[in-house]
């Protein structure tokens, strides 16, 4: 557990925001942390762009199989 010290006025304001949404301060902060991306992590759009770039270099399967076909028949 990490303890963060903030002025009492700010703590009360945060508790009020949490209560307005029917949450405890701890639950509200957990939800807030899940909604925000971690600094330095790629955004969803950047990840999607990278996947599209990688897919440009993928050659078609010589047998015409899809990934689903390989999974279905137990091949890799």
PDB file of N, CA and C in Angstrom:
ATOM      1  N   UNK A   1       0.846  -1.169   0.000  1.00  0.00           N
ATOM      2  CA  UNK A   1       0.000   0.000   0.000  1.00  0.00           C
ATOM      3  C   UNK A   1       0.890   1.230   0.000  1.00  0.00           C
ATOM      4  N   UNK A   2       0.496   2.229  -0.751  1.00  0.00           N
ATOM      5  CA  UNK A   2       1.213   3.493  -0.824  1.00  0.00           C
ATOM      6  C   UNK A   2       0.372   4.569  -0.155  1.00  0.00           C
ATOM      7  N   UNK A   3       1.028   5.385   0.616  1.00  0.00           N
ATOM      8  CA  UNK A   3       0.345   6.494   1.276  1.00  0.00           C
ATOM      9  C   UNK A   3       0.750   7.781   0.570  1.00  0.00           C
ATOM     10  N   UNK A   4      -0.248   8.560   0.183  1.00  0.00           N
ATOM     11  CA  UNK A   4      -0.013   9.844  -0.461  1.00  0.00           C
ATOM     12  C   UNK A   4      -0.580  10.923   0.435  1.00  0.00           C
ATOM     13  N   UNK A   5       0.250  11.874   0.790  1.00  0.00           N
ATOM     14  CA  UNK A   5      -0.197  12.941   1.671  1.00  0.00           C
ATOM     15  C   UNK A   5      -0.641  14.133   0.838  1.00  0.00           C
ATOM     16  N   UNK A   6      -1.883  14.577   1.096  1.00  0.00           N
ATOM     17  CA  UNK A   6      -2.427  15.766   0.439  1.00  0.00           C
ATOM     18  C   UNK A   6      -3.120  16.598   1.511  1.00  0.00           C
ATOM     19  N   UNK A   7      -3.332  17.871   1.259  1.00  0.00           N
ATOM     20  CA  UNK A   7      -4.029  18.706   2.246  1.00  0.00           C
ATOM     21  C   UNK A   7      -5.438  18.183   2.517  1.00  0.00           C
ATOM     22  N   UNK A   8      -5.901  18.404   3.724  1.00  0.00           N
ATOM     23  CA  UNK A   8      -7.222  17.927   4.134  1.00  0.00           C
ATOM     24  C   UNK A   8      -8.332  18.431   3.212  1.00  0.00           C
ATOM     25  N   UNK A   9      -8.221  19.664   2.725  1.00  0.00           N
ATOM     26  CA  UNK A   9      -9.247  20.229   1.851  1.00  0.00           C
ATOM     27  C   UNK A   9      -9.335  19.429   0.548  1.00  0.00           C
ATOM     28  N   UNK A  10      -8.185  19.061   0.006  1.00  0.00           N
ATOM     29  CA  UNK A  10      -8.182  18.270  -1.223  1.00  0.00           C
ATOM     30  C   UNK A  10      -8.729  16.868  -0.983  1.00  0.00           C
ATOM     31  N   UNK A  11      -8.378  16.293   0.150  1.00  0.00           N
ATOM     32  CA  UNK A  11      -8.882  14.959   0.482  1.00  0.00           C
ATOM     33  C   UNK A  11     -10.403  14.980   0.598  1.00  0.00           C
ATOM     34  N   UNK A  12     -10.949  16.002   1.223  1.00  0.00           N
ATOM     35  CA  UNK A  12     -12.399  16.113   1.365  1.00  0.00           C
ATOM     36  C   UNK A  12     -13.064  16.307   0.008  1.00  0.00           C
ATOM     37  N   UNK A  13     -12.435  17.086  -0.868  1.00  0.00           N
ATOM     38  CA  UNK A  13     -12.990  17.299  -2.203  1.00  0.00           C
ATOM     39  C   UNK A  13     -13.010  15.993  -2.987  1.00  0.00           C
ATOM     40  N   UNK A  14     -11.959  15.204  -2.871  1.00  0.00           N
ATOM     41  CA  UNK A  14     -11.919  13.910  -3.557  1.00  0.00           C
ATOM     42  C   UNK A  14     -12.951  12.947  -2.991  1.00  0.00           C
ATOM     43  N   UNK A  15     -13.111  12.949  -1.680  1.00  0.00           N
ATOM     44  CA  UNK A  15     -14.123  12.090  -1.054  1.00  0.00           C
ATOM     45  C   UNK A  15     -15.519  12.482  -1.531  1.00  0.00           C
ATOM     46  N   UNK A  16     -15.749  13.785  -1.684  1.00  0.00           N
ATOM     47  CA  UNK A  16     -17.061  14.255  -2.150  1.00  0.00           C
ATOM     48  C   UNK A  16     -17.312  13.799  -3.585  1.00  0.00           C
ATOM     49  N   UNK A  17     -16.287  13.872  -4.448  1.00  0.00           N
ATOM     50  CA  UNK A  17     -16.441  13.398  -5.828  1.00  0.00           C
ATOM     51  C   UNK A  17     -16.754  11.908  -5.858  1.00  0.00           C
ATOM     52  N   UNK A  18     -16.060  11.150  -5.015  1.00  0.00           N
ATOM     53  CA  UNK A  18     -16.294   9.708  -4.958  1.00  0.00           C
ATOM     54  C   UNK A  18     -17.713   9.420  -4.462  1.00  0.00           C
ATOM     55  N   UNK A  19     -18.122  10.113  -3.411  1.00  0.00           N
ATOM     56  CA  UNK A  19     -19.455   9.900  -2.845  1.00  0.00           C
ATOM     57  C   UNK A  19     -20.544  10.259  -3.854  1.00  0.00           C
ATOM     58  N   UNK A  20     -20.298  11.277  -4.677  1.00  0.00           N
ATOM     59  CA  UNK A  20     -21.286  11.675  -5.679  1.00  0.00           C
ATOM     60  C   UNK A  20     -21.521  10.563  -6.695  1.00  0.00           C
ATOM     61  N   UNK A  21     -20.537   9.701  -6.863  1.00  0.00           N
ATOM     62  CA  UNK A  21     -20.670   8.564  -7.781  1.00  0.00           C
ATOM     63  C   UNK A  21     -20.997   7.270  -7.037  1.00  0.00           C
ATOM     64  N   UNK A  22     -21.254   7.398  -5.736  1.00  0.00           N
ATOM     65  CA  UNK A  22     -21.635   6.229  -4.948  1.00  0.00           C
ATOM     66  C   UNK A  22     -20.484   5.294  -4.646  1.00  0.00           C
ATOM     67  N   UNK A  23     -19.273   5.835  -4.608  1.00  0.00           N
ATOM     68  CA  UNK A  23     -18.092   5.009  -4.375  1.00  0.00           C
ATOM     69  C   UNK A  23     -17.331   5.485  -3.155  1.00  0.00           C
ATOM     70  N   UNK A  24     -16.558   4.575  -2.585  1.00  0.00           N
ATOM     71  CA  UNK A  24     -15.625   4.992  -1.549  1.00  0.00           C
ATOM     72  C   UNK A  24     -14.463   5.689  -2.244  1.00  0.00           C
ATOM     73  N   UNK A  25     -13.680   6.423  -1.496  1.00  0.00           N
ATOM     74  CA  UNK A  25     -12.539   7.115  -2.088  1.00  0.00           C
ATOM     75  C   UNK A  25     -11.573   6.107  -2.717  1.00  0.00           C
ATOM     76  N   UNK A  26     -11.351   4.986  -2.015  1.00  0.00           N
ATOM     77  CA  UNK A  26     -10.442   3.967  -2.534  1.00  0.00           C
ATOM     78  C   UNK A  26     -10.947   3.387  -3.852  1.00  0.00           C
ATOM     79  N   UNK A  27     -12.235   3.062  -3.922  1.00  0.00           N
ATOM     80  CA  UNK A  27     -12.811   2.495  -5.143  1.00  0.00           C
ATOM     81  C   UNK A  27     -12.783   3.517  -6.277  1.00  0.00           C
ATOM     82  N   UNK A  28     -13.052   4.781  -5.949  1.00  0.00           N
ATOM     83  CA  UNK A  28     -13.038   5.827  -6.955  1.00  0.00           C
ATOM     84  C   UNK A  28     -11.637   6.013  -7.534  1.00  0.00           C
ATOM     85  N   UNK A  29     -10.624   6.003  -6.666  1.00  0.00           N
ATOM     86  CA  UNK A  29      -9.245   6.143  -7.132  1.00  0.00           C
ATOM     87  C   UNK A  29      -8.811   4.939  -7.968  1.00  0.00           C
ATOM     88  N   UNK A  30      -9.236   3.748  -7.582  1.00  0.00           N
ATOM     89  CA  UNK A  30      -8.908   2.552  -8.376  1.00  0.00           C
ATOM     90  C   UNK A  30      -9.504   2.669  -9.776  1.00  0.00           C
ATOM     91  N   UNK A  31     -10.766   3.087  -9.858  1.00  0.00           N
ATOM     92  CA  UNK A  31     -11.410   3.240 -11.160  1.00  0.00           C
ATOM     93  C   UNK A  31     -10.720   4.327 -11.984  1.00  0.00           C
ATOM     94  N   UNK A  32     -10.363   5.409 -11.348  1.00  0.00           N
ATOM     95  CA  UNK A  32      -9.672   6.499 -12.026  1.00  0.00           C
ATOM     96  C   UNK A  32      -8.325   6.012 -12.578  1.00  0.00           C
ATOM     97  N   UNK A  33      -7.616   5.219 -11.803  1.00  0.00           N
ATOM     98  CA  UNK A  33      -6.316   4.707 -12.247  1.00  0.00           C
ATOM     99  C   UNK A  33      -6.465   3.761 -13.431  1.00  0.00           C
ATOM    100  N   UNK A  34      -7.535   2.986 -13.480  1.00  0.00           N
ATOM    101  CA  UNK A  34      -7.756   2.060 -14.583  1.00  0.00           C
ATOM    102  C   UNK A  34      -8.134   2.791 -15.864  1.00  0.00           C
ATOM    103  N   UNK A  35      -8.781   3.950 -15.747  1.00  0.00           N
ATOM    104  CA  UNK A  35      -9.217   4.705 -16.915  1.00  0.00           C
ATOM    105  C   UNK A  35      -8.064   5.419 -17.603  1.00  0.00           C
ATOM    106  N   UNK A  36      -7.032   5.746 -16.874  1.00  0.00           N
ATOM    107  CA  UNK A  36      -5.928   6.531 -17.411  1.00  0.00           C
ATOM    108  C   UNK A  36      -4.799   5.629 -17.878  1.00  0.00           C
ATOM    109  N   UNK A  37      -4.259   5.875 -19.066  1.00  0.00           N
ATOM    110  CA  UNK A  37      -3.116   5.079 -19.508  1.00  0.00           C
ATOM    111  C   UNK A  37      -1.882   5.396 -18.683  1.00  0.00           C
ATOM    112  N   UNK A  38      -1.032   4.426 -18.533  1.00  0.00           N
ATOM    113  CA  UNK A  38       0.214   4.608 -17.803  1.00  0.00           C
ATOM    114  C   UNK A  38       1.156   5.435 -18.676  1.00  0.00           C
ATOM    115  N   UNK A  39       1.771   6.478 -18.126  1.00  0.00           N
ATOM    116  CA  UNK A  39       2.691   7.281 -18.945  1.00  0.00           C
ATOM    117  C   UNK A  39       3.780   6.411 -19.558  1.00  0.00           C
ATOM    118  N   UNK A  40       4.048   6.646 -20.817  1.00  0.00           N
ATOM    119  CA  UNK A  40       5.083   5.881 -21.503  1.00  0.00           C
ATOM    120  C   UNK A  40       4.563   4.649 -22.214  1.00  0.00           C
ATOM    121  N   UNK A  41       3.325   4.242 -21.936  1.00  0.00           N
ATOM    122  CA  UNK A  41       2.771   3.078 -22.626  1.00  0.00           C
ATOM    123  C   UNK A  41       2.150   3.548 -23.943  1.00  0.00           C
ATOM    124  N   UNK A  42       2.196   2.700 -24.960  1.00  0.00           N
ATOM    125  CA  UNK A  42       1.645   3.130 -26.253  1.00  0.00           C
ATOM    126  C   UNK A  42       0.126   3.266 -26.186  1.00  0.00           C
ATOM    127  N   UNK A  43      -0.376   4.205 -26.912  1.00  0.00           N
ATOM    128  CA  UNK A  43      -1.822   4.378 -26.951  1.00  0.00           C
ATOM    129  C   UNK A  43      -2.436   3.296 -27.821  1.00  0.00           C
ATOM    130  N   UNK A  44      -3.712   3.143 -27.740  1.00  0.00           N
ATOM    131  CA  UNK A  44      -4.421   2.147 -28.536  1.00  0.00           C
ATOM    132  C   UNK A  44      -4.241   2.440 -30.021  1.00  0.00           C
ATOM    133  N   UNK A  45      -4.324   3.701 -30.389  1.00  0.00           N
ATOM    134  CA  UNK A  45      -4.168   4.059 -31.800  1.00  0.00           C
ATOM    135  C   UNK A  45      -2.761   3.771 -32.299  1.00  0.00           C
ATOM    136  N   UNK A  46      -1.758   4.042 -31.474  1.00  0.00           N
ATOM    137  CA  UNK A  46      -0.380   3.755 -31.869  1.00  0.00           C
ATOM    138  C   UNK A  46      -0.169   2.253 -32.007  1.00  0.00           C
ATOM    139  N   UNK A  47      -0.759   1.479 -31.115  1.00  0.00           N
ATOM    140  CA  UNK A  47      -0.636   0.021 -31.194  1.00  0.00           C
ATOM    141  C   UNK A  47      -1.315  -0.506 -32.449  1.00  0.00           C
ATOM    142  N   UNK A  48      -2.494   0.025 -32.761  1.00  0.00           N
ATOM    143  CA  UNK A  48      -3.201  -0.418 -33.962  1.00  0.00           C
ATOM    144  C   UNK A  48      -2.410  -0.058 -35.218  1.00  0.00           C
ATOM    145  N   UNK A  49      -1.812   1.127 -35.238  1.00  0.00           N
ATOM    146  CA  UNK A  49      -1.000   1.526 -36.389  1.00  0.00           C
ATOM    147  C   UNK A  49       0.203   0.607 -36.544  1.00  0.00           C
ATOM    148  N   UNK A  50       0.806   0.219 -35.432  1.00  0.00           N
ATOM    149  CA  UNK A  50       1.968  -0.682 -35.486  1.00  0.00           C
ATOM    150  C   UNK A  50       1.553  -2.062 -36.004  1.00  0.00           C
ATOM    151  N   UNK A  51       0.413  -2.549 -35.580  1.00  0.00           N
ATOM    152  CA  UNK A  51      -0.078  -3.852 -36.052  1.00  0.00           C
ATOM    153  C   UNK A  51      -0.326  -3.793 -37.557  1.00  0.00           C
ATOM    154  N   UNK A  52      -0.954  -2.722 -38.030  1.00  0.00           N
ATOM    155  CA  UNK A  52      -1.194  -2.586 -39.472  1.00  0.00           C
ATOM    156  C   UNK A  52       0.115  -2.545 -40.249  1.00  0.00           C
ATOM    157  N   UNK A  53       1.116  -1.874 -39.704  1.00  0.00           N
ATOM    158  CA  UNK A  53       2.424  -1.805 -40.356  1.00  0.00           C
ATOM    159  C   UNK A  53       3.059  -3.191 -40.432  1.00  0.00           C
ATOM    160  N   UNK A  54       2.969  -3.954 -39.363  1.00  0.00           N
ATOM    161  CA  UNK A  54       3.526  -5.317 -39.360  1.00  0.00           C
ATOM    162  C   UNK A  54       2.781  -6.224 -40.327  1.00  0.00           C
ATOM    163  N   UNK A  55       1.477  -6.044 -40.442  1.00  0.00           N
ATOM    164  CA  UNK A  55       0.682  -6.899 -41.322  1.00  0.00           C
ATOM    165  C   UNK A  55       1.027  -6.690 -42.790  1.00  0.00           C
ATOM    166  N   UNK A  56       1.567  -5.528 -43.129  1.00  0.00           N
ATOM    167  CA  UNK A  56       1.965  -5.277 -44.511  1.00  0.00           C
ATOM    168  C   UNK A  56       3.076  -6.231 -44.965  1.00  0.00           C
ATOM    169  N   UNK A  57       3.866  -6.721 -44.006  1.00  0.00           N
ATOM    170  CA  UNK A  57       5.008  -7.574 -44.328  1.00  0.00           C
ATOM    171  C   UNK A  57       4.692  -9.065 -44.214  1.00  0.00           C
ATOM    172  N   UNK A  58       3.479  -9.408 -43.878  1.00  0.00           N
ATOM    173  CA  UNK A  58       3.089 -10.812 -43.727  1.00  0.00           C
ATOM    174  C   UNK A  58       2.722 -11.370 -45.097  1.00  0.00           C
ATOM    175  N   UNK A  59       3.358 -12.484 -45.432  1.00  0.00           N
ATOM    176  CA  UNK A  59       3.072 -13.115 -46.723  1.00  0.00           C
ATOM    177  C   UNK A  59       1.886 -14.059 -46.566  1.00  0.00           C
ATOM    178  N   UNK A  60       1.087 -14.212 -47.592  1.00  0.00           N
ATOM    179  CA  UNK A  60      -0.046 -15.138 -47.515  1.00  0.00           C
ATOM    180  C   UNK A  60       0.457 -16.570 -47.326  1.00  0.00           C
ATOM    181  N   UNK A  61      -0.338 -17.377 -46.674  1.00  0.00           N
ATOM    182  CA  UNK A  61       0.014 -18.780 -46.467  1.00  0.00           C
ATOM    183  C   UNK A  61       0.035 -19.487 -47.827  1.00  0.00           C
ATOM    184  N   UNK A  62       1.079 -20.299 -48.081  1.00  0.00           N
ATOM    185  CA  UNK A  62       1.153 -20.968 -49.386  1.00  0.00           C
ATOM    186  C   UNK A  62      -0.013 -21.916 -49.646  1.00  0.00           C
ATOM    187  N   UNK A  63      -0.598 -22.452 -48.591  1.00  0.00           N
ATOM    188  CA  UNK A  63      -1.725 -23.372 -48.758  1.00  0.00           C
ATOM    189  C   UNK A  63      -3.059 -22.641 -48.706  1.00  0.00           C
ATOM    190  N   UNK A  64      -3.017 -21.342 -48.445  1.00  0.00           N
ATOM    191  CA  UNK A  64      -4.250 -20.568 -48.373  1.00  0.00           C
ATOM    192  C   UNK A  64      -4.970 -20.677 -47.040  1.00  0.00           C
ATOM    193  N   UNK A  65      -4.302 -21.246 -46.048  1.00  0.00           N
ATOM    194  CA  UNK A  65      -4.933 -21.398 -44.742  1.00  0.00           C
ATOM    195  C   UNK A  65      -4.908 -20.079 -43.973  1.00  0.00           C
ATOM    196  N   UNK A  66      -5.893 -19.916 -43.114  1.00  0.00           N
ATOM    197  CA  UNK A  66      -5.937 -18.778 -42.211  1.00  0.00           C
ATOM    198  C   UNK A  66      -5.434 -19.233 -40.850  1.00  0.00           C
ATOM    199  N   UNK A  67      -5.234 -18.298 -39.956  1.00  0.00           N
ATOM    200  CA  UNK A  67      -4.837 -18.645 -38.585  1.00  0.00           C
ATOM    201  C   UNK A  67      -5.875 -19.563 -37.956  1.00  0.00           C
ATOM    202  N   UNK A  68      -7.120 -19.293 -38.237  1.00  0.00           N
ATOM    203  CA  UNK A  68      -8.206 -20.117 -37.702  1.00  0.00           C
ATOM    204  C   UNK A  68      -8.098 -21.560 -38.188  1.00  0.00           C
ATOM    205  N   UNK A  69      -7.713 -21.738 -39.457  1.00  0.00           N
ATOM    206  CA  UNK A  69      -7.540 -23.093 -39.994  1.00  0.00           C
ATOM    207  C   UNK A  69      -6.451 -23.842 -39.227  1.00  0.00           C
ATOM    208  N   UNK A  70      -5.334 -23.162 -38.983  1.00  0.00           N
ATOM    209  CA  UNK A  70      -4.238 -23.808 -38.257  1.00  0.00           C
ATOM    210  C   UNK A  70      -4.655 -24.174 -36.832  1.00  0.00           C
ATOM    211  N   UNK A  71      -5.401 -23.304 -36.204  1.00  0.00           N
ATOM    212  CA  UNK A  71      -5.874 -23.603 -34.847  1.00  0.00           C
ATOM    213  C   UNK A  71      -6.844 -24.781 -34.876  1.00  0.00           C
ATOM    214  N   UNK A  72      -7.753 -24.761 -35.826  1.00  0.00           N
ATOM    215  CA  UNK A  72      -8.764 -25.796 -35.932  1.00  0.00           C
ATOM    216  C   UNK A  72      -8.139 -27.172 -36.141  1.00  0.00           C
ATOM    217  N   UNK A  73      -7.109 -27.244 -36.953  1.00  0.00           N
ATOM    218  CA  UNK A  73      -6.500 -28.528 -37.261  1.00  0.00           C
ATOM    219  C   UNK A  73      -5.252 -28.816 -36.435  1.00  0.00           C
ATOM    220  N   UNK A  74      -4.975 -27.992 -35.427  1.00  0.00           N
ATOM    221  CA  UNK A  74      -3.888 -28.281 -34.502  1.00  0.00           C
ATOM    222  C   UNK A  74      -2.510 -28.068 -35.079  1.00  0.00           C
ATOM    223  N   UNK A  75      -2.406 -27.306 -36.134  1.00  0.00           N
ATOM    224  CA  UNK A  75      -1.107 -27.020 -36.722  1.00  0.00           C
ATOM    225  C   UNK A  75      -0.649 -25.637 -36.312  1.00  0.00           C
ATOM    226  N   UNK A  76       0.641 -25.411 -36.361  1.00  0.00           N
ATOM    227  CA  UNK A  76       1.185 -24.082 -36.044  1.00  0.00           C
ATOM    228  C   UNK A  76       2.016 -23.569 -37.161  1.00  0.00           C
TER     229      UNK A  76
END
